[in-house]
Amino acid sequence: MAWRPAPNDPFYRVIVRCALLLRRVFRIRIISSGTEHLPPPGTRTGTSRAVVPGNGAVFAITHFGYVDFAVAELLLWEHSRAELRFLVHQGAADHWLAGPAISAAGHVVVGYSGRSDAYDAAVAKLRAGEYVGVFPEAGVSRSFTVRECRTGAVRMAAEAGVPVIPVSVWGAHRVLTRGHGFSAGRTWRAPVRIHVGEPLAFAPGDDVEAGTKELRARLQDGIGKCIVDFPLQPEPGAWWMPAHLDGSAPTEPERQLLDAQDAARGRRRDPRPN
């Protein structure tokens, strides 16, 4: 059994400071809009935001690359010194190095099967006043458009009585994403654009499918806002641009086919019962 330290705020702050250091080293530019939709800073306990019951929120974040979570957390940290707890897959939590960090940072681990425990833990954190970050697309979108979203973000928010805040991140996929490894050249002075949408409110009994479609539309609208004033002009056929904007990323039908193939391979490899 790997070492799993108890959640602690000092460790979380160490992680944030490391991310801030890397941002400075590579001079990454984070350009934000819609920050008026973020929760107000409130009071602090030490150097972090004080968690107050009734003041939680679900942060629904687009997922085009592997460092989107870090961009969202840095924005929130600089705004209010708030800590964002993510729903993390069991596969990452089982990693010998990432596992202890995930545990110490207080993230919620989603098991291979029987995910109700993670759902209940996330709702409890939200009710306690925590901020919980989710990727409603449940995987990286290689088309660089917001793919179909799962209903978990809306259901959790409705049950806990907290808002869903749409967060669209554009440009971080140029740093690191599926099929395109880390490149110091691309990362050096890389612009990253982030837009925070107006919070969405849901109540028990609301149509979660309709609410999830609205969330997906808000996330895509935020991506559109980010692309319009993105400071980097893409070359024709750029791999990091979506097909409908003359990029060479997979089209939506191609993306759906590739996702289906991935899901089929995953089912064949996974010996665990569903």
Foldseek 3Di string as FASTA:
>chain_A
DADADAADDVLLVVVLVVLVVVCVVLVEAEAEPACVQPDAQDDDDVLAGDFAFPQEEEEAEAAAFDCSVSSVQNVVCVRHNAQEAEEAEVVQLPDNPSVNSNNHSPHQYQYPDDRVVSLVVVLVCRRRRHYYYYHQLPDHQQLPAGDQGDLSNVVSCQVSVHWYKYKAKAFVVQQGHPPDHHDSVCSRHGYIYMYIDHTDGHHPPDDSNVVSVVSSVRRRVRVVVCVVVPPDDDDAQDSRHHVVVRHVGDHPVVSVVVVVVVVVVVVVPDPDDD
